[in-house]
């Protein structure tokens, strides 16, 4: 029997898929995103660093 994904795992999967879906829909609309767009992990790590810095 396989285990069902936890809520945290579901959330991470959804966040990854959201970024992919956004890029795919932009391509369908003919919108070209610049290559320098940060991915979800980069943005999250930057926010975490800023929170740690300002919560001191």
PDB file of N, CA and C in Angstrom:
ATOM      1  N   UNK A   1       0.846  -1.178   0.000  1.00  0.00           N
ATOM      2  CA  UNK A   1       0.000   0.000   0.000  1.00  0.00           C
ATOM      3  C   UNK A   1       0.896   1.248   0.000  1.00  0.00           C
ATOM      4  N   UNK A   2       0.597   2.176  -0.860  1.00  0.00           N
ATOM      5  CA  UNK A   2       1.381   3.406  -0.907  1.00  0.00           C
ATOM      6  C   UNK A   2       0.777   4.441   0.036  1.00  0.00           C
ATOM      7  N   UNK A   3       1.668   5.268   0.556  1.00  0.00           N
ATOM      8  CA  UNK A   3       1.222   6.326   1.467  1.00  0.00           C
ATOM      9  C   UNK A   3       0.749   7.534   0.672  1.00  0.00           C
ATOM     10  N   UNK A   4      -0.225   8.211   1.190  1.00  0.00           N
ATOM     11  CA  UNK A   4      -0.701   9.440   0.559  1.00  0.00           C
ATOM     12  C   UNK A   4       0.245  10.573   0.916  1.00  0.00           C
ATOM     13  N   UNK A   5       0.423  11.541   0.019  1.00  0.00           N
ATOM     14  CA  UNK A   5       1.300  12.680   0.336  1.00  0.00           C
ATOM     15  C   UNK A   5       0.712  13.527   1.471  1.00  0.00           C
ATOM     16  N   UNK A   6       1.614  14.077   2.271  1.00  0.00           N
ATOM     17  CA  UNK A   6       1.189  14.945   3.363  1.00  0.00           C
ATOM     18  C   UNK A   6       0.779  16.304   2.802  1.00  0.00           C
ATOM     19  N   UNK A   7       0.176  17.123   3.639  1.00  0.00           N
ATOM     20  CA  UNK A   7      -0.236  18.461   3.202  1.00  0.00           C
ATOM     21  C   UNK A   7       0.961  19.295   2.774  1.00  0.00           C
ATOM     22  N   UNK A   8       2.082  19.147   3.490  1.00  0.00           N
ATOM     23  CA  UNK A   8       3.286  19.902   3.141  1.00  0.00           C
ATOM     24  C   UNK A   8       3.809  19.466   1.767  1.00  0.00           C
ATOM     25  N   UNK A   9       3.803  18.164   1.519  1.00  0.00           N
ATOM     26  CA  UNK A   9       4.249  17.666   0.225  1.00  0.00           C
ATOM     27  C   UNK A   9       3.322  18.142  -0.889  1.00  0.00           C
ATOM     28  N   UNK A  10       2.019  18.118  -0.635  1.00  0.00           N
ATOM     29  CA  UNK A  10       1.057  18.600  -1.627  1.00  0.00           C
ATOM     30  C   UNK A  10       1.300  20.074  -1.940  1.00  0.00           C
ATOM     31  N   UNK A  11       1.605  20.855  -0.904  1.00  0.00           N
ATOM     32  CA  UNK A  11       1.853  22.279  -1.086  1.00  0.00           C
ATOM     33  C   UNK A  11       3.090  22.512  -1.954  1.00  0.00           C
ATOM     34  N   UNK A  12       4.162  21.767  -1.693  1.00  0.00           N
ATOM     35  CA  UNK A  12       5.385  21.920  -2.481  1.00  0.00           C
ATOM     36  C   UNK A  12       5.160  21.532  -3.944  1.00  0.00           C
ATOM     37  N   UNK A  13       4.429  20.446  -4.151  1.00  0.00           N
ATOM     38  CA  UNK A  13       4.133  20.014  -5.517  1.00  0.00           C
ATOM     39  C   UNK A  13       3.309  21.079  -6.227  1.00  0.00           C
ATOM     40  N   UNK A  14       2.320  21.633  -5.539  1.00  0.00           N
ATOM     41  CA  UNK A  14       1.461  22.649  -6.141  1.00  0.00           C
ATOM     42  C   UNK A  14       2.265  23.895  -6.511  1.00  0.00           C
ATOM     43  N   UNK A  15       3.189  24.298  -5.634  1.00  0.00           N
ATOM     44  CA  UNK A  15       3.997  25.494  -5.912  1.00  0.00           C
ATOM     45  C   UNK A  15       4.876  25.284  -7.142  1.00  0.00           C
ATOM     46  N   UNK A  16       5.477  24.095  -7.274  1.00  0.00           N
ATOM     47  CA  UNK A  16       6.305  23.811  -8.441  1.00  0.00           C
ATOM     48  C   UNK A  16       5.470  23.819  -9.720  1.00  0.00           C
ATOM     49  N   UNK A  17       4.324  23.179  -9.662  1.00  0.00           N
ATOM     50  CA  UNK A  17       3.458  23.116 -10.836  1.00  0.00           C
ATOM     51  C   UNK A  17       2.921  24.492 -11.214  1.00  0.00           C
ATOM     52  N   UNK A  18       2.675  25.332 -10.230  1.00  0.00           N
ATOM     53  CA  UNK A  18       2.162  26.679 -10.497  1.00  0.00           C
ATOM     54  C   UNK A  18       3.141  27.456 -11.371  1.00  0.00           C
ATOM     55  N   UNK A  19       4.432  27.380 -11.038  1.00  0.00           N
ATOM     56  CA  UNK A  19       5.445  28.075 -11.830  1.00  0.00           C
ATOM     57  C   UNK A  19       5.524  27.548 -13.253  1.00  0.00           C
ATOM     58  N   UNK A  20       5.473  26.225 -13.389  1.00  0.00           N
ATOM     59  CA  UNK A  20       5.511  25.625 -14.725  1.00  0.00           C
ATOM     60  C   UNK A  20       4.283  26.015 -15.535  1.00  0.00           C
ATOM     61  N   UNK A  21       3.139  25.980 -14.891  1.00  0.00           N
ATOM     62  CA  UNK A  21       1.906  26.327 -15.591  1.00  0.00           C
ATOM     63  C   UNK A  21       1.909  27.786 -16.031  1.00  0.00           C
ATOM     64  N   UNK A  22       2.441  28.669 -15.186  1.00  0.00           N
ATOM     65  CA  UNK A  22       2.517  30.079 -15.539  1.00  0.00           C
ATOM     66  C   UNK A  22       3.396  30.286 -16.767  1.00  0.00           C
ATOM     67  N   UNK A  23       4.564  29.646 -16.767  1.00  0.00           N
ATOM     68  CA  UNK A  23       5.459  29.785 -17.912  1.00  0.00           C
ATOM     69  C   UNK A  23       4.823  29.226 -19.184  1.00  0.00           C
ATOM     70  N   UNK A  24       4.153  28.075 -19.048  1.00  0.00           N
ATOM     71  CA  UNK A  24       3.515  27.466 -20.217  1.00  0.00           C
ATOM     72  C   UNK A  24       2.389  28.351 -20.751  1.00  0.00           C
ATOM     73  N   UNK A  25       1.592  28.929 -19.876  1.00  0.00           N
ATOM     74  CA  UNK A  25       0.497  29.775 -20.348  1.00  0.00           C
ATOM     75  C   UNK A  25       1.036  31.056 -20.981  1.00  0.00           C
ATOM     76  N   UNK A  26       2.145  31.564 -20.457  1.00  0.00           N
ATOM     77  CA  UNK A  26       2.759  32.742 -21.075  1.00  0.00           C
ATOM     78  C   UNK A  26       3.229  32.419 -22.494  1.00  0.00           C
ATOM     79  N   UNK A  27       3.835  31.241 -22.669  1.00  0.00           N
ATOM     80  CA  UNK A  27       4.278  30.849 -24.006  1.00  0.00           C
ATOM     81  C   UNK A  27       3.097  30.712 -24.959  1.00  0.00           C
ATOM     82  N   UNK A  28       1.989  30.157 -24.475  1.00  0.00           N
ATOM     83  CA  UNK A  28       0.805  30.020 -25.318  1.00  0.00           C
ATOM     84  C   UNK A  28       0.250  31.381 -25.736  1.00  0.00           C
ATOM     85  N   UNK A  29       0.364  32.363 -24.851  1.00  0.00           N
ATOM     86  CA  UNK A  29      -0.129  33.706 -25.151  1.00  0.00           C
ATOM     87  C   UNK A  29       0.860  34.503 -25.994  1.00  0.00           C
ATOM     88  N   UNK A  30       2.061  33.959 -26.178  1.00  0.00           N
ATOM     89  CA  UNK A  30       3.067  34.647 -26.975  1.00  0.00           C
ATOM     90  C   UNK A  30       3.927  35.601 -26.161  1.00  0.00           C
ATOM     91  N   UNK A  31       3.841  35.516 -24.845  1.00  0.00           N
ATOM     92  CA  UNK A  31       4.640  36.367 -23.971  1.00  0.00           C
ATOM     93  C   UNK A  31       5.955  35.649 -23.688  1.00  0.00           C
ATOM     94  N   UNK A  32       7.049  36.331 -23.941  1.00  0.00           N
ATOM     95  CA  UNK A  32       8.358  35.744 -23.707  1.00  0.00           C
ATOM     96  C   UNK A  32       8.892  36.287 -22.386  1.00  0.00           C
ATOM     97  N   UNK A  33       9.131  35.383 -21.450  1.00  0.00           N
ATOM     98  CA  UNK A  33       9.683  35.780 -20.161  1.00  0.00           C
ATOM     99  C   UNK A  33      11.193  35.872 -20.268  1.00  0.00           C
ATOM    100  N   UNK A  34      11.792  36.860 -19.643  1.00  0.00           N
ATOM    101  CA  UNK A  34      13.253  36.945 -19.669  1.00  0.00           C
ATOM    102  C   UNK A  34      13.862  35.763 -18.923  1.00  0.00           C
ATOM    103  N   UNK A  35      15.042  35.363 -19.369  1.00  0.00           N
ATOM    104  CA  UNK A  35      15.711  34.210 -18.757  1.00  0.00           C
ATOM    105  C   UNK A  35      16.112  34.479 -17.309  1.00  0.00           C
ATOM    106  N   UNK A  36      16.228  35.725 -16.934  1.00  0.00           N
ATOM    107  CA  UNK A  36      16.674  36.068 -15.601  1.00  0.00           C
ATOM    108  C   UNK A  36      15.603  35.980 -14.537  1.00  0.00           C
ATOM    109  N   UNK A  37      14.416  35.510 -14.882  1.00  0.00           N
ATOM    110  CA  UNK A  37      13.332  35.398 -13.900  1.00  0.00           C
ATOM    111  C   UNK A  37      13.719  34.381 -12.832  1.00  0.00           C
ATOM    112  N   UNK A  38      13.659  34.780 -11.584  1.00  0.00           N
ATOM    113  CA  UNK A  38      14.018  33.829 -10.527  1.00  0.00           C
ATOM    114  C   UNK A  38      12.961  32.751 -10.380  1.00  0.00           C
ATOM    115  N   UNK A  39      13.423  31.573  -9.995  1.00  0.00           N
ATOM    116  CA  UNK A  39      12.462  30.504  -9.765  1.00  0.00           C
ATOM    117  C   UNK A  39      11.934  30.587  -8.335  1.00  0.00           C
ATOM    118  N   UNK A  40      10.985  29.752  -8.031  1.00  0.00           N
ATOM    119  CA  UNK A  40      10.295  29.791  -6.740  1.00  0.00           C
ATOM    120  C   UNK A  40      11.266  29.601  -5.565  1.00  0.00           C
ATOM    121  N   UNK A  41      12.231  28.681  -5.713  1.00  0.00           N
ATOM    122  CA  UNK A  41      13.183  28.406  -4.635  1.00  0.00           C
ATOM    123  C   UNK A  41      14.083  29.600  -4.357  1.00  0.00           C
ATOM    124  N   UNK A  42      14.521  30.284  -5.399  1.00  0.00           N
ATOM    125  CA  UNK A  42      15.389  31.446  -5.241  1.00  0.00           C
ATOM    126  C   UNK A  42      14.651  32.566  -4.511  1.00  0.00           C
ATOM    127  N   UNK A  43      13.427  32.795  -4.899  1.00  0.00           N
ATOM    128  CA  UNK A  43      12.630  33.846  -4.265  1.00  0.00           C
ATOM    129  C   UNK A  43      12.377  33.505  -2.799  1.00  0.00           C
ATOM    130  N   UNK A  44      12.024  32.258  -2.528  1.00  0.00           N
ATOM    131  CA  UNK A  44      11.743  31.846  -1.151  1.00  0.00           C
ATOM    132  C   UNK A  44      12.977  31.959  -0.269  1.00  0.00           C
ATOM    133  N   UNK A  45      14.136  31.564  -0.762  1.00  0.00           N
ATOM    134  CA  UNK A  45      15.352  31.654   0.042  1.00  0.00           C
ATOM    135  C   UNK A  45      15.721  33.121   0.305  1.00  0.00           C
ATOM    136  N   UNK A  46      15.498  34.004  -0.671  1.00  0.00           N
ATOM    137  CA  UNK A  46      15.775  35.419  -0.465  1.00  0.00           C
ATOM    138  C   UNK A  46      14.841  36.005   0.600  1.00  0.00           C
ATOM    139  N   UNK A  47      13.570  35.624   0.547  1.00  0.00           N
ATOM    140  CA  UNK A  47      12.622  36.091   1.564  1.00  0.00           C
ATOM    141  C   UNK A  47      12.996  35.587   2.956  1.00  0.00           C
ATOM    142  N   UNK A  48      13.417  34.340   3.036  1.00  0.00           N
ATOM    143  CA  UNK A  48      13.831  33.783   4.326  1.00  0.00           C
ATOM    144  C   UNK A  48      15.035  34.532   4.898  1.00  0.00           C
ATOM    145  N   UNK A  49      16.005  34.841   4.034  1.00  0.00           N
ATOM    146  CA  UNK A  49      17.181  35.595   4.494  1.00  0.00           C
ATOM    147  C   UNK A  49      16.787  36.968   5.003  1.00  0.00           C
ATOM    148  N   UNK A  50      15.906  37.655   4.276  1.00  0.00           N
ATOM    149  CA  UNK A  50      15.467  38.979   4.698  1.00  0.00           C
ATOM    150  C   UNK A  50      14.698  38.923   6.030  1.00  0.00           C
ATOM    151  N   UNK A  51      13.850  37.911   6.179  1.00  0.00           N
ATOM    152  CA  UNK A  51      13.101  37.768   7.441  1.00  0.00           C
ATOM    153  C   UNK A  51      14.046  37.546   8.603  1.00  0.00           C
ATOM    154  N   UNK A  52      15.043  36.677   8.406  1.00  0.00           N
ATOM    155  CA  UNK A  52      16.009  36.428   9.500  1.00  0.00           C
ATOM    156  C   UNK A  52      16.770  37.705   9.855  1.00  0.00           C
ATOM    157  N   UNK A  53      17.119  38.461   8.833  1.00  0.00           N
ATOM    158  CA  UNK A  53      17.892  39.688   9.058  1.00  0.00           C
ATOM    159  C   UNK A  53      17.080  40.722   9.847  1.00  0.00           C
ATOM    160  N   UNK A  54      15.829  40.908   9.474  1.00  0.00           N
ATOM    161  CA  UNK A  54      15.022  41.948  10.103  1.00  0.00           C
ATOM    162  C   UNK A  54      14.309  41.514  11.379  1.00  0.00           C
ATOM    163  N   UNK A  55      14.294  40.210  11.669  1.00  0.00           N
ATOM    164  CA  UNK A  55      13.648  39.741  12.894  1.00  0.00           C
ATOM    165  C   UNK A  55      14.605  39.739  14.089  1.00  0.00           C
ATOM    166  N   UNK A  56      15.828  40.134  13.886  1.00  0.00           N
ATOM    167  CA  UNK A  56      16.818  40.126  14.985  1.00  0.00           C
ATOM    168  C   UNK A  56      16.432  41.069  16.063  1.00  0.00           C
TER     169      UNK A  56
END
